[in-house]
Amino acid sequence: MLIYCFDEATKKFAYTDVIDDSEQVPENATTIAPVNSDGTGMYAPTWNGTNWVPMSQEEFQENHEQQQKPENVPAITESQKQEAQYMLELAKMKANIAANSKTIAVLTKQLAQTALNNKGVQ
């Protein structure tokens, strides 16, 4: 059976677990799923002894939302984006040139070997 465990002190949802149907549900767990009546998930649900109580979306964002970018980081300009794109393209070109140089060296060696072999045959 699937059980929903909560922190004993805060009563906040902690994790799900599976126990044998013959086992007794632990005191810090319930078989009631922490979902809204429409089946959607809850924001940081807390067990009140009989059912799960969700945190409001606003409370959740206030308490759990993480800052996406530090405030002291300047915005990236369009010219900086273009420069980064050019640098990426340049790096790709350099990699292609290096790969092509190796291929040319192998082909040159094969051509020289073929020419030597042909001189010996004639």
PDB file of N, CA and C in Angstrom:
ATOM      1  N   MET A   1       0.845  -1.159   0.000  1.00  0.00           N
ATOM      2  CA  MET A   1       0.000   0.000   0.000  1.00  0.00           C
ATOM      3  C   MET A   1       0.899   1.233   0.000  1.00  0.00           C
ATOM      4  N   LEU A   2       0.434   2.267  -0.670  1.00  0.00           N
ATOM      5  CA  LEU A   2       1.178   3.519  -0.779  1.00  0.00           C
ATOM      6  C   LEU A   2       0.813   4.402   0.406  1.00  0.00           C
ATOM      7  N   ILE A   3       1.826   4.921   1.081  1.00  0.00           N
ATOM      8  CA  ILE A   3       1.587   5.827   2.207  1.00  0.00           C
ATOM      9  C   ILE A   3       2.310   7.144   1.961  1.00  0.00           C
ATOM     10  N   TYR A   4       1.810   8.184   2.606  1.00  0.00           N
ATOM     11  CA  TYR A   4       2.358   9.528   2.453  1.00  0.00           C
ATOM     12  C   TYR A   4       2.861   9.969   3.825  1.00  0.00           C
ATOM     13  N   CYS A   5       4.167  10.115   3.931  1.00  0.00           N
ATOM     14  CA  CYS A   5       4.795  10.413   5.220  1.00  0.00           C
ATOM     15  C   CYS A   5       5.004  11.910   5.386  1.00  0.00           C
ATOM     16  N   PHE A   6       4.933  12.341   6.636  1.00  0.00           N
ATOM     17  CA  PHE A   6       5.139  13.751   6.950  1.00  0.00           C
ATOM     18  C   PHE A   6       6.108  13.875   8.113  1.00  0.00           C
ATOM     19  N   ASP A   7       6.734  15.032   8.211  1.00  0.00           N
ATOM     20  CA  ASP A   7       7.665  15.314   9.295  1.00  0.00           C
ATOM     21  C   ASP A   7       6.880  15.347  10.607  1.00  0.00           C
ATOM     22  N   GLU A   8       7.377  14.649  11.608  1.00  0.00           N
ATOM     23  CA  GLU A   8       6.656  14.566  12.882  1.00  0.00           C
ATOM     24  C   GLU A   8       6.520  15.920  13.572  1.00  0.00           C
ATOM     25  N   ALA A   9       7.518  16.776  13.436  1.00  0.00           N
ATOM     26  CA  ALA A   9       7.488  18.074  14.125  1.00  0.00           C
ATOM     27  C   ALA A   9       6.647  19.101  13.362  1.00  0.00           C
ATOM     28  N   THR A  10       6.919  19.239  12.059  1.00  0.00           N
ATOM     29  CA  THR A  10       6.251  20.292  11.284  1.00  0.00           C
ATOM     30  C   THR A  10       4.972  19.823  10.605  1.00  0.00           C
ATOM     31  N   LYS A  11       4.802  18.506  10.466  1.00  0.00           N
ATOM     32  CA  LYS A  11       3.658  17.877   9.795  1.00  0.00           C
ATOM     33  C   LYS A  11       3.647  18.145   8.291  1.00  0.00           C
ATOM     34  N   LYS A  12       4.759  18.681   7.754  1.00  0.00           N
ATOM     35  CA  LYS A  12       4.859  18.921   6.315  1.00  0.00           C
ATOM     36  C   LYS A  12       5.154  17.612   5.597  1.00  0.00           C
ATOM     37  N   PHE A  13       4.592  17.493   4.394  1.00  0.00           N
ATOM     38  CA  PHE A  13       4.803  16.302   3.579  1.00  0.00           C
ATOM     39  C   PHE A  13       6.300  16.078   3.407  1.00  0.00           C
ATOM     40  N   ALA A  14       6.732  14.813   3.575  1.00  0.00           N
ATOM     41  CA  ALA A  14       8.159  14.502   3.472  1.00  0.00           C
ATOM     42  C   ALA A  14       8.466  13.583   2.301  1.00  0.00           C
ATOM     43  N   TYR A  15       7.731  12.473   2.174  1.00  0.00           N
ATOM     44  CA  TYR A  15       8.007  11.510   1.114  1.00  0.00           C
ATOM     45  C   TYR A  15       6.894  10.471   1.050  1.00  0.00           C
ATOM     46  N   THR A  16       6.904   9.679  -0.028  1.00  0.00           N
ATOM     47  CA  THR A  16       5.977   8.551  -0.139  1.00  0.00           C
ATOM     48  C   THR A  16       6.755   7.274   0.122  1.00  0.00           C
ATOM     49  N   ASP A  17       6.023   6.237   0.500  1.00  0.00           N
ATOM     50  CA  ASP A  17       6.644   4.950   0.756  1.00  0.00           C
ATOM     51  C   ASP A  17       5.628   3.867   0.431  1.00  0.00           C
ATOM     52  N   VAL A  18       6.101   2.650   0.301  1.00  0.00           N
ATOM     53  CA  VAL A  18       5.226   1.508   0.064  1.00  0.00           C
ATOM     54  C   VAL A  18       5.441   0.532   1.212  1.00  0.00           C
ATOM     55  N   ILE A  19       4.319   0.115   1.811  1.00  0.00           N
ATOM     56  CA  ILE A  19       4.391  -0.875   2.882  1.00  0.00           C
ATOM     57  C   ILE A  19       3.461  -2.028   2.526  1.00  0.00           C
ATOM     58  N   ASP A  20       3.665  -3.154   3.155  1.00  0.00           N
ATOM     59  CA  ASP A  20       2.810  -4.318   2.941  1.00  0.00           C
ATOM     60  C   ASP A  20       1.404  -3.997   3.437  1.00  0.00           C
ATOM     61  N   ASP A  21       0.395  -4.506   2.750  1.00  0.00           N
ATOM     62  CA  ASP A  21      -0.993  -4.231   3.136  1.00  0.00           C
ATOM     63  C   ASP A  21      -1.309  -4.699   4.553  1.00  0.00           C
ATOM     64  N   SER A  22      -0.559  -5.670   5.046  1.00  0.00           N
ATOM     65  CA  SER A  22      -0.814  -6.180   6.392  1.00  0.00           C
ATOM     66  C   SER A  22      -0.153  -5.326   7.478  1.00  0.00           C
ATOM     67  N   GLU A  23       0.755  -4.434   7.074  1.00  0.00           N
ATOM     68  CA  GLU A  23       1.440  -3.580   8.044  1.00  0.00           C
ATOM     69  C   GLU A  23       0.552  -2.426   8.487  1.00  0.00           C
ATOM     70  N   GLN A  24       0.811  -1.960   9.707  1.00  0.00           N
ATOM     71  CA  GLN A  24       0.088  -0.807  10.228  1.00  0.00           C
ATOM     72  C   GLN A  24       0.742   0.469   9.695  1.00  0.00           C
ATOM     73  N   VAL A  25      -0.079   1.449   9.347  1.00  0.00           N
ATOM     74  CA  VAL A  25       0.437   2.734   8.852  1.00  0.00           C
ATOM     75  C   VAL A  25       1.144   3.441  10.008  1.00  0.00           C
ATOM     76  N   PRO A  26       2.377   3.883   9.813  1.00  0.00           N
ATOM     77  CA  PRO A  26       3.115   4.579  10.884  1.00  0.00           C
ATOM     78  C   PRO A  26       2.379   5.839  11.345  1.00  0.00           C
ATOM     79  N   GLU A  27       2.717   6.302  12.540  1.00  0.00           N
ATOM     80  CA  GLU A  27       2.058   7.488  13.094  1.00  0.00           C
ATOM     81  C   GLU A  27       2.355   8.747  12.293  1.00  0.00           C
ATOM     82  N   ASN A  28       3.495   8.773  11.615  1.00  0.00           N
ATOM     83  CA  ASN A  28       3.847   9.955  10.823  1.00  0.00           C
ATOM     84  C   ASN A  28       3.501   9.759   9.347  1.00  0.00           C
ATOM     85  N   ALA A  29       2.423   9.012   9.073  1.00  0.00           N
ATOM     86  CA  ALA A  29       2.032   8.752   7.691  1.00  0.00           C
ATOM     87  C   ALA A  29       0.522   8.589   7.591  1.00  0.00           C
ATOM     88  N   THR A  30       0.039   8.656   6.363  1.00  0.00           N
ATOM     89  CA  THR A  30      -1.378   8.471   6.077  1.00  0.00           C
ATOM     90  C   THR A  30      -1.518   7.841   4.699  1.00  0.00           C
ATOM     91  N   THR A  31      -2.681   7.281   4.424  1.00  0.00           N
ATOM     92  CA  THR A  31      -2.944   6.720   3.093  1.00  0.00           C
ATOM     93  C   THR A  31      -3.648   7.741   2.210  1.00  0.00           C
ATOM     94  N   ILE A  32      -3.956   8.904   2.761  1.00  0.00           N
ATOM     95  CA  ILE A  32      -4.629   9.963   2.005  1.00  0.00           C
ATOM     96  C   ILE A  32      -3.588  10.728   1.196  1.00  0.00           C
ATOM     97  N   ALA A  33      -3.801  10.781  -0.107  1.00  0.00           N
ATOM     98  CA  ALA A  33      -2.845  11.454  -1.002  1.00  0.00           C
ATOM     99  C   ALA A  33      -2.919  12.965  -0.831  1.00  0.00           C
ATOM    100  N   PRO A  34      -1.774  13.639  -0.871  1.00  0.00           N
ATOM    101  CA  PRO A  34      -1.757  15.101  -0.757  1.00  0.00           C
ATOM    102  C   PRO A  34      -2.055  15.776  -2.098  1.00  0.00           C
ATOM    103  N   VAL A  35      -3.320  15.679  -2.519  1.00  0.00           N
ATOM    104  CA  VAL A  35      -3.756  16.297  -3.773  1.00  0.00           C
ATOM    105  C   VAL A  35      -5.020  17.110  -3.521  1.00  0.00           C
ATOM    106  N   ASN A  36      -5.257  18.086  -4.390  1.00  0.00           N
ATOM    107  CA  ASN A  36      -6.472  18.892  -4.307  1.00  0.00           C
ATOM    108  C   ASN A  36      -7.666  18.064  -4.760  1.00  0.00           C
ATOM    109  N   SER A  37      -8.859  18.555  -4.529  1.00  0.00           N
ATOM    110  CA  SER A  37     -10.075  17.822  -4.885  1.00  0.00           C
ATOM    111  C   SER A  37     -10.169  17.553  -6.381  1.00  0.00           C
ATOM    112  N   ASP A  38      -9.529  18.395  -7.198  1.00  0.00           N
ATOM    113  CA  ASP A  38      -9.549  18.174  -8.652  1.00  0.00           C
ATOM    114  C   ASP A  38      -8.410  17.263  -9.116  1.00  0.00           C
ATOM    115  N   GLY A  39      -7.634  16.726  -8.167  1.00  0.00           N
ATOM    116  CA  GLY A  39      -6.559  15.794  -8.496  1.00  0.00           C
ATOM    117  C   GLY A  39      -5.214  16.438  -8.758  1.00  0.00           C
ATOM    118  N   THR A  40      -5.138  17.758  -8.729  1.00  0.00           N
ATOM    119  CA  THR A  40      -3.854  18.441  -8.948  1.00  0.00           C
ATOM    120  C   THR A  40      -3.028  18.426  -7.669  1.00  0.00           C
ATOM    121  N   GLY A  41      -1.738  18.594  -7.820  1.00  0.00           N
ATOM    122  CA  GLY A  41      -0.842  18.604  -6.670  1.00  0.00           C
ATOM    123  C   GLY A  41      -1.016  19.841  -5.810  1.00  0.00           C
ATOM    124  N   MET A  42      -0.571  19.730  -4.593  1.00  0.00           N
ATOM    125  CA  MET A  42      -0.668  20.837  -3.636  1.00  0.00           C
ATOM    126  C   MET A  42       0.685  21.522  -3.482  1.00  0.00           C
ATOM    127  N   TYR A  43       0.639  22.787  -3.115  1.00  0.00           N
ATOM    128  CA  TYR A  43       1.852  23.519  -2.774  1.00  0.00           C
ATOM    129  C   TYR A  43       2.196  23.218  -1.315  1.00  0.00           C
ATOM    130  N   ALA A  44       3.354  22.587  -1.081  1.00  0.00           N
ATOM    131  CA  ALA A  44       3.881  22.315   0.264  1.00  0.00           C
ATOM    132  C   ALA A  44       2.789  21.888   1.254  1.00  0.00           C
ATOM    133  N   PRO A  45       2.161  20.723   1.032  1.00  0.00           N
ATOM    134  CA  PRO A  45       1.066  20.300   1.909  1.00  0.00           C
ATOM    135  C   PRO A  45       1.523  19.993   3.337  1.00  0.00           C
ATOM    136  N   THR A  46       0.615  20.255   4.281  1.00  0.00           N
ATOM    137  CA  THR A  46       0.840  19.991   5.702  1.00  0.00           C
ATOM    138  C   THR A  46      -0.323  19.143   6.211  1.00  0.00           C
ATOM    139  N   TRP A  47      -0.025  18.120   6.994  1.00  0.00           N
ATOM    140  CA  TRP A  47      -1.046  17.229   7.538  1.00  0.00           C
ATOM    141  C   TRP A  47      -1.634  17.843   8.801  1.00  0.00           C
ATOM    142  N   ASN A  48      -2.980  17.959   8.862  1.00  0.00           N
ATOM    143  CA  ASN A  48      -3.615  18.550  10.046  1.00  0.00           C
ATOM    144  C   ASN A  48      -4.251  17.505  10.964  1.00  0.00           C
ATOM    145  N   GLY A  49      -3.992  16.240  10.677  1.00  0.00           N
ATOM    146  CA  GLY A  49      -4.541  15.169  11.496  1.00  0.00           C
ATOM    147  C   GLY A  49      -5.658  14.412  10.800  1.00  0.00           C
ATOM    148  N   THR A  50      -6.341  15.071   9.853  1.00  0.00           N
ATOM    149  CA  THR A  50      -7.404  14.406   9.095  1.00  0.00           C
ATOM    150  C   THR A  50      -7.254  14.563   7.592  1.00  0.00           C
ATOM    151  N   ASN A  51      -6.620  15.646   7.159  1.00  0.00           N
ATOM    152  CA  ASN A  51      -6.393  15.840   5.718  1.00  0.00           C
ATOM    153  C   ASN A  51      -5.212  16.775   5.479  1.00  0.00           C
ATOM    154  N   TRP A  52      -4.822  16.890   4.219  1.00  0.00           N
ATOM    155  CA  TRP A  52      -3.701  17.738   3.830  1.00  0.00           C
ATOM    156  C   TRP A  52      -4.195  19.157   3.583  1.00  0.00           C
ATOM    157  N   VAL A  53      -3.435  20.120   4.046  1.00  0.00           N
ATOM    158  CA  VAL A  53      -3.758  21.528   3.854  1.00  0.00           C
ATOM    159  C   VAL A  53      -2.655  22.133   2.993  1.00  0.00           C
ATOM    160  N   PRO A  54      -3.013  22.659   1.803  1.00  0.00           N
ATOM    161  CA  PRO A  54      -1.971  23.220   0.936  1.00  0.00           C
ATOM    162  C   PRO A  54      -1.598  24.642   1.341  1.00  0.00           C
ATOM    163  N   MET A  55      -0.396  25.007   0.963  1.00  0.00           N
ATOM    164  CA  MET A  55       0.051  26.385   1.099  1.00  0.00           C
ATOM    165  C   MET A  55      -0.476  27.106  -0.142  1.00  0.00           C
ATOM    166  N   SER A  56      -0.798  28.380  -0.034  1.00  0.00           N
ATOM    167  CA  SER A  56      -1.246  29.109  -1.219  1.00  0.00           C
ATOM    168  C   SER A  56      -0.069  29.279  -2.186  1.00  0.00           C
ATOM    169  N   GLN A  57      -0.389  29.497  -3.437  1.00  0.00           N
ATOM    170  CA  GLN A  57       0.661  29.677  -4.436  1.00  0.00           C
ATOM    171  C   GLN A  57       1.528  30.886  -4.077  1.00  0.00           C
ATOM    172  N   GLU A  58       0.903  31.939  -3.592  1.00  0.00           N
ATOM    173  CA  GLU A  58       1.647  33.145  -3.223  1.00  0.00           C
ATOM    174  C   GLU A  58       2.597  32.866  -2.071  1.00  0.00           C
ATOM    175  N   GLU A  59       2.103  32.151  -1.038  1.00  0.00           N
ATOM    176  CA  GLU A  59       2.959  31.795   0.098  1.00  0.00           C
ATOM    177  C   GLU A  59       4.122  30.917  -0.360  1.00  0.00           C
ATOM    178  N   PHE A  60       3.802  29.952  -1.225  1.00  0.00           N
ATOM    179  CA  PHE A  60       4.831  29.040  -1.705  1.00  0.00           C
ATOM    180  C   PHE A  60       5.928  29.803  -2.434  1.00  0.00           C
ATOM    181  N   GLN A  61       5.518  30.698  -3.339  1.00  0.00           N
ATOM    182  CA  GLN A  61       6.508  31.469  -4.083  1.00  0.00           C
ATOM    183  C   GLN A  61       7.328  32.353  -3.152  1.00  0.00           C
ATOM    184  N   GLU A  62       6.682  32.923  -2.175  1.00  0.00           N
ATOM    185  CA  GLU A  62       7.384  33.784  -1.222  1.00  0.00           C
ATOM    186  C   GLU A  62       8.396  32.983  -0.403  1.00  0.00           C
ATOM    187  N   ASN A  63       8.019  31.770   0.005  1.00  0.00           N
ATOM    188  CA  ASN A  63       8.879  30.958   0.868  1.00  0.00           C
ATOM    189  C   ASN A  63       9.901  30.103   0.130  1.00  0.00           C
ATOM    190  N   HIS A  64       9.593  29.703  -1.107  1.00  0.00           N
ATOM    191  CA  HIS A  64      10.437  28.721  -1.784  1.00  0.00           C
ATOM    192  C   HIS A  64      11.033  29.175  -3.113  1.00  0.00           C
ATOM    193  N   GLU A  65      10.540  30.260  -3.659  1.00  0.00           N
ATOM    194  CA  GLU A  65      11.058  30.686  -4.958  1.00  0.00           C
ATOM    195  C   GLU A  65      12.507  31.137  -4.818  1.00  0.00           C
ATOM    196  N   GLN A  66      13.310  30.715  -5.771  1.00  0.00           N
ATOM    197  CA  GLN A  66      14.721  31.081  -5.746  1.00  0.00           C
ATOM    198  C   GLN A  66      14.979  32.196  -6.748  1.00  0.00           C
ATOM    199  N   GLN A  67      15.850  33.064  -6.377  1.00  0.00           N
ATOM    200  CA  GLN A  67      16.235  34.151  -7.260  1.00  0.00           C
ATOM    201  C   GLN A  67      16.911  33.559  -8.486  1.00  0.00           C
ATOM    202  N   GLN A  68      16.471  33.966  -9.666  1.00  0.00           N
ATOM    203  CA  GLN A  68      16.994  33.402 -10.898  1.00  0.00           C
ATOM    204  C   GLN A  68      18.339  34.004 -11.298  1.00  0.00           C
ATOM    205  N   LYS A  69      18.546  35.246 -10.982  1.00  0.00           N
ATOM    206  CA  LYS A  69      19.808  35.904 -11.337  1.00  0.00           C
ATOM    207  C   LYS A  69      20.145  36.902 -10.239  1.00  0.00           C
ATOM    208  N   PRO A  70      21.372  36.889  -9.761  1.00  0.00           N
ATOM    209  CA  PRO A  70      21.740  37.875  -8.731  1.00  0.00           C
ATOM    210  C   PRO A  70      21.475  39.291  -9.230  1.00  0.00           C
ATOM    211  N   GLU A  71      21.079  40.150  -8.328  1.00  0.00           N
ATOM    212  CA  GLU A  71      20.713  41.518  -8.700  1.00  0.00           C
ATOM    213  C   GLU A  71      21.892  42.328  -9.227  1.00  0.00           C
ATOM    214  N   ASN A  72      23.114  42.003  -8.802  1.00  0.00           N
ATOM    215  CA  ASN A  72      24.267  42.805  -9.199  1.00  0.00           C
ATOM    216  C   ASN A  72      24.881  42.356 -10.525  1.00  0.00           C
ATOM    217  N   VAL A  73      24.252  41.403 -11.223  1.00  0.00           N
ATOM    218  CA  VAL A  73      24.768  40.949 -12.512  1.00  0.00           C
ATOM    219  C   VAL A  73      24.121  41.795 -13.611  1.00  0.00           C
ATOM    220  N   PRO A  74      24.924  42.473 -14.407  1.00  0.00           N
ATOM    221  CA  PRO A  74      24.343  43.325 -15.459  1.00  0.00           C
ATOM    222  C   PRO A  74      23.688  42.482 -16.550  1.00  0.00           C
ATOM    223  N   ALA A  75      22.731  43.087 -17.226  1.00  0.00           N
ATOM    224  CA  ALA A  75      22.042  42.409 -18.322  1.00  0.00           C
ATOM    225  C   ALA A  75      23.007  42.222 -19.492  1.00  0.00           C
ATOM    226  N   ILE A  76      22.801  41.158 -20.231  1.00  0.00           N
ATOM    227  CA  ILE A  76      23.647  40.876 -21.397  1.00  0.00           C
ATOM    228  C   ILE A  76      23.099  41.657 -22.581  1.00  0.00           C
ATOM    229  N   THR A  77      23.989  42.371 -23.244  1.00  0.00           N
ATOM    230  CA  THR A  77      23.568  43.178 -24.387  1.00  0.00           C
ATOM    231  C   THR A  77      23.495  42.310 -25.641  1.00  0.00           C
ATOM    232  N   GLU A  78      22.825  42.828 -26.642  1.00  0.00           N
ATOM    233  CA  GLU A  78      22.699  42.101 -27.907  1.00  0.00           C
ATOM    234  C   GLU A  78      24.073  41.905 -28.557  1.00  0.00           C
ATOM    235  N   SER A  79      24.946  42.901 -28.447  1.00  0.00           N
ATOM    236  CA  SER A  79      26.283  42.765 -29.035  1.00  0.00           C
ATOM    237  C   SER A  79      27.097  41.700 -28.303  1.00  0.00           C
ATOM    238  N   GLN A  80      26.908  41.561 -26.992  1.00  0.00           N
ATOM    239  CA  GLN A  80      27.599  40.512 -26.239  1.00  0.00           C
ATOM    240  C   GLN A  80      27.099  39.127 -26.662  1.00  0.00           C
ATOM    241  N   LYS A  81      25.791  39.022 -26.909  1.00  0.00           N
ATOM    242  CA  LYS A  81      25.237  37.752 -27.384  1.00  0.00           C
ATOM    243  C   LYS A  81      25.832  37.397 -28.743  1.00  0.00           C
ATOM    244  N   GLN A  82      25.914  38.385 -29.636  1.00  0.00           N
ATOM    245  CA  GLN A  82      26.478  38.149 -30.970  1.00  0.00           C
ATOM    246  C   GLN A  82      27.947  37.758 -30.874  1.00  0.00           C
ATOM    247  N   GLU A  83      28.689  38.448 -30.008  1.00  0.00           N
ATOM    248  CA  GLU A  83      30.106  38.134 -29.833  1.00  0.00           C
ATOM    249  C   GLU A  83      30.286  36.701 -29.329  1.00  0.00           C
ATOM    250  N   ALA A  84      29.457  36.288 -28.403  1.00  0.00           N
ATOM    251  CA  ALA A  84      29.522  34.918 -27.892  1.00  0.00           C
ATOM    252  C   ALA A  84      29.207  33.919 -29.003  1.00  0.00           C
ATOM    253  N   GLN A  85      28.228  34.243 -29.839  1.00  0.00           N
ATOM    254  CA  GLN A  85      27.874  33.364 -30.957  1.00  0.00           C
ATOM    255  C   GLN A  85      29.036  33.267 -31.945  1.00  0.00           C
ATOM    256  N   TYR A  86      29.693  34.385 -32.236  1.00  0.00           N
ATOM    257  CA  TYR A  86      30.852  34.373 -33.138  1.00  0.00           C
ATOM    258  C   TYR A  86      31.985  33.540 -32.558  1.00  0.00           C
ATOM    259  N   MET A  87      32.207  33.666 -31.257  1.00  0.00           N
ATOM    260  CA  MET A  87      33.264  32.886 -30.616  1.00  0.00           C
ATOM    261  C   MET A  87      32.965  31.390 -30.699  1.00  0.00           C
ATOM    262  N   LEU A  88      31.705  31.034 -30.533  1.00  0.00           N
ATOM    263  CA  LEU A  88      31.305  29.630 -30.644  1.00  0.00           C
ATOM    264  C   LEU A  88      31.527  29.123 -32.073  1.00  0.00           C
ATOM    265  N   GLU A  89      31.120  29.915 -33.042  1.00  0.00           N
ATOM    266  CA  GLU A  89      31.330  29.530 -34.445  1.00  0.00           C
ATOM    267  C   GLU A  89      32.817  29.409 -34.768  1.00  0.00           C
ATOM    268  N   LEU A  90      33.638  30.314 -34.255  1.00  0.00           N
ATOM    269  CA  LEU A  90      35.079  30.271 -34.479  1.00  0.00           C
ATOM    270  C   LEU A  90      35.676  28.992 -33.881  1.00  0.00           C
ATOM    271  N   ALA A  91      35.230  28.631 -32.682  1.00  0.00           N
ATOM    272  CA  ALA A  91      35.724  27.407 -32.045  1.00  0.00           C
ATOM    273  C   ALA A  91      35.349  26.179 -32.877  1.00  0.00           C
ATOM    274  N   LYS A  92      34.132  26.172 -33.411  1.00  0.00           N
ATOM    275  CA  LYS A  92      33.695  25.048 -34.257  1.00  0.00           C
ATOM    276  C   LYS A  92      34.543  24.977 -35.528  1.00  0.00           C
ATOM    277  N   MET A  93      34.822  26.145 -36.116  1.00  0.00           N
ATOM    278  CA  MET A  93      35.649  26.172 -37.323  1.00  0.00           C
ATOM    279  C   MET A  93      37.054  25.661 -37.050  1.00  0.00           C
ATOM    280  N   LYS A  94      37.630  26.061 -35.918  1.00  0.00           N
ATOM    281  CA  LYS A  94      38.966  25.592 -35.562  1.00  0.00           C
ATOM    282  C   LYS A  94      38.976  24.077 -35.392  1.00  0.00           C
ATOM    283  N   ALA A  95      37.928  23.528 -34.785  1.00  0.00           N
ATOM    284  CA  ALA A  95      37.837  22.074 -34.614  1.00  0.00           C
ATOM    285  C   ALA A  95      37.730  21.395 -35.974  1.00  0.00           C
ATOM    286  N   ASN A  96      36.942  21.966 -36.871  1.00  0.00           N
ATOM    287  CA  ASN A  96      36.809  21.401 -38.215  1.00  0.00           C
ATOM    288  C   ASN A  96      38.132  21.463 -38.980  1.00  0.00           C
ATOM    289  N   ILE A  97      38.847  22.567 -38.851  1.00  0.00           N
ATOM    290  CA  ILE A  97      40.145  22.705 -39.520  1.00  0.00           C
ATOM    291  C   ILE A  97      41.121  21.658 -39.003  1.00  0.00           C
ATOM    292  N   ALA A  98      41.145  21.455 -37.697  1.00  0.00           N
ATOM    293  CA  ALA A  98      42.043  20.454 -37.113  1.00  0.00           C
ATOM    294  C   ALA A  98      41.693  19.056 -37.628  1.00  0.00           C
ATOM    295  N   ALA A  99      40.382  18.747 -37.691  1.00  0.00           N
ATOM    296  CA  ALA A  99      39.954  17.434 -38.192  1.00  0.00           C
ATOM    297  C   ALA A  99      40.310  17.289 -39.665  1.00  0.00           C
ATOM    298  N   ASN A 100      40.108  18.346 -40.443  1.00  0.00           N
ATOM    299  CA  ASN A 100      40.435  18.300 -41.874  1.00  0.00           C
ATOM    300  C   ASN A 100      41.934  18.160 -42.098  1.00  0.00           C
ATOM    301  N   SER A 101      42.742  18.814 -41.260  1.00  0.00           N
ATOM    302  CA  SER A 101      44.193  18.702 -41.380  1.00  0.00           C
ATOM    303  C   SER A 101      44.644  17.263 -41.166  1.00  0.00           C
ATOM    304  N   LYS A 102      44.051  16.587 -40.207  1.00  0.00           N
ATOM    305  CA  LYS A 102      44.383  15.186 -39.959  1.00  0.00           C
ATOM    306  C   LYS A 102      43.982  14.323 -41.154  1.00  0.00           C
ATOM    307  N   THR A 103      42.812  14.592 -41.694  1.00  0.00           N
ATOM    308  CA  THR A 103      42.347  13.827 -42.861  1.00  0.00           C
ATOM    309  C   THR A 103      43.275  14.048 -44.042  1.00  0.00           C
ATOM    310  N   ILE A 104      43.680  15.286 -44.271  1.00  0.00           N
ATOM    311  CA  ILE A 104      44.592  15.605 -45.379  1.00  0.00           C
ATOM    312  C   ILE A 104      45.919  14.884 -45.185  1.00  0.00           C
ATOM    313  N   ALA A 105      46.438  14.864 -43.960  1.00  0.00           N
ATOM    314  CA  ALA A 105      47.708  14.187 -43.692  1.00  0.00           C
ATOM    315  C   ALA A 105      47.590  12.691 -43.998  1.00  0.00           C
ATOM    316  N   VAL A 106      46.494  12.065 -43.615  1.00  0.00           N
ATOM    317  CA  VAL A 106      46.293  10.634 -43.879  1.00  0.00           C
ATOM    318  C   VAL A 106      46.193  10.389 -45.382  1.00  0.00           C
ATOM    319  N   LEU A 107      45.423  11.219 -46.074  1.00  0.00           N
ATOM    320  CA  LEU A 107      45.257  11.050 -47.514  1.00  0.00           C
ATOM    321  C   LEU A 107      46.570  11.288 -48.265  1.00  0.00           C
ATOM    322  N   THR A 108      47.370  12.267 -47.826  1.00  0.00           N
ATOM    323  CA  THR A 108      48.668  12.535 -48.444  1.00  0.00           C
ATOM    324  C   THR A 108      49.593  11.338 -48.288  1.00  0.00           C
ATOM    325  N   LYS A 109      49.575  10.756 -47.103  1.00  0.00           N
ATOM    326  CA  LYS A 109      50.404   9.578 -46.854  1.00  0.00           C
ATOM    327  C   LYS A 109      49.961   8.412 -47.738  1.00  0.00           C
ATOM    328  N   GLN A 110      48.636   8.223 -47.855  1.00  0.00           N
ATOM    329  CA  GLN A 110      48.125   7.150 -48.708  1.00  0.00           C
ATOM    330  C   GLN A 110      48.484   7.387 -50.172  1.00  0.00           C
ATOM    331  N   LEU A 111      48.405   8.625 -50.620  1.00  0.00           N
ATOM    332  CA  LEU A 111      48.741   8.972 -52.004  1.00  0.00           C
ATOM    333  C   LEU A 111      50.220   8.710 -52.276  1.00  0.00           C
ATOM    334  N   ALA A 112      51.079   9.099 -51.336  1.00  0.00           N
ATOM    335  CA  ALA A 112      52.516   8.862 -51.496  1.00  0.00           C
ATOM    336  C   ALA A 112      52.802   7.371 -51.538  1.00  0.00           C
ATOM    337  N   GLN A 113      52.141   6.594 -50.688  1.00  0.00           N
ATOM    338  CA  GLN A 113      52.342   5.137 -50.669  1.00  0.00           C
ATOM    339  C   GLN A 113      51.874   4.521 -51.984  1.00  0.00           C
ATOM    340  N   THR A 114      50.748   5.003 -52.493  1.00  0.00           N
ATOM    341  CA  THR A 114      50.233   4.489 -53.778  1.00  0.00           C
ATOM    342  C   THR A 114      51.197   4.820 -54.902  1.00  0.00           C
ATOM    343  N   ALA A 115      51.750   6.038 -54.886  1.00  0.00           N
ATOM    344  CA  ALA A 115      52.697   6.438 -55.920  1.00  0.00           C
ATOM    345  C   ALA A 115      53.944   5.575 -55.857  1.00  0.00           C
ATOM    346  N   LEU A 116      54.440   5.263 -54.663  1.00  0.00           N
ATOM    347  CA  LEU A 116      55.618   4.398 -54.522  1.00  0.00           C
ATOM    348  C   LEU A 116      55.316   2.986 -55.019  1.00  0.00           C
ATOM    349  N   ASN A 117      54.148   2.494 -54.676  1.00  0.00           N
ATOM    350  CA  ASN A 117      53.757   1.161 -55.118  1.00  0.00           C
ATOM    351  C   ASN A 117      53.640   1.089 -56.642  1.00  0.00           C
ATOM    352  N   ASN A 118      53.122   2.138 -57.236  1.00  0.00           N
ATOM    353  CA  ASN A 118      52.962   2.162 -58.698  1.00  0.00           C
ATOM    354  C   ASN A 118      54.317   2.234 -59.397  1.00  0.00           C
ATOM    355  N   LYS A 119      55.293   2.941 -58.819  1.00  0.00           N
ATOM    356  CA  LYS A 119      56.639   3.009 -59.418  1.00  0.00           C
ATOM    357  C   LYS A 119      57.289   1.635 -59.405  1.00  0.00           C
ATOM    358  N   GLY A 120      57.048   0.898 -58.325  1.00  0.00           N
ATOM    359  CA  GLY A 120      57.641  -0.432 -58.216  1.00  0.00           C
ATOM    360  C   GLY A 120      57.018  -1.416 -59.177  1.00  0.00           C
ATOM    361  N   VAL A 121      55.775  -1.214 -59.547  1.00  0.00           N
ATOM    362  CA  VAL A 121      55.070  -2.144 -60.454  1.00  0.00           C
ATOM    363  C   VAL A 121      55.539  -1.938 -61.891  1.00  0.00           C
ATOM    364  N   GLN A 122      55.825  -0.727 -62.292  1.00  0.00           N
ATOM    365  CA  GLN A 122      56.162  -0.435 -63.689  1.00  0.00           C
ATOM    366  C   GLN A 122      57.505  -0.886 -64.043  1.00  0.00           C
TER     367      GLN A 122
END
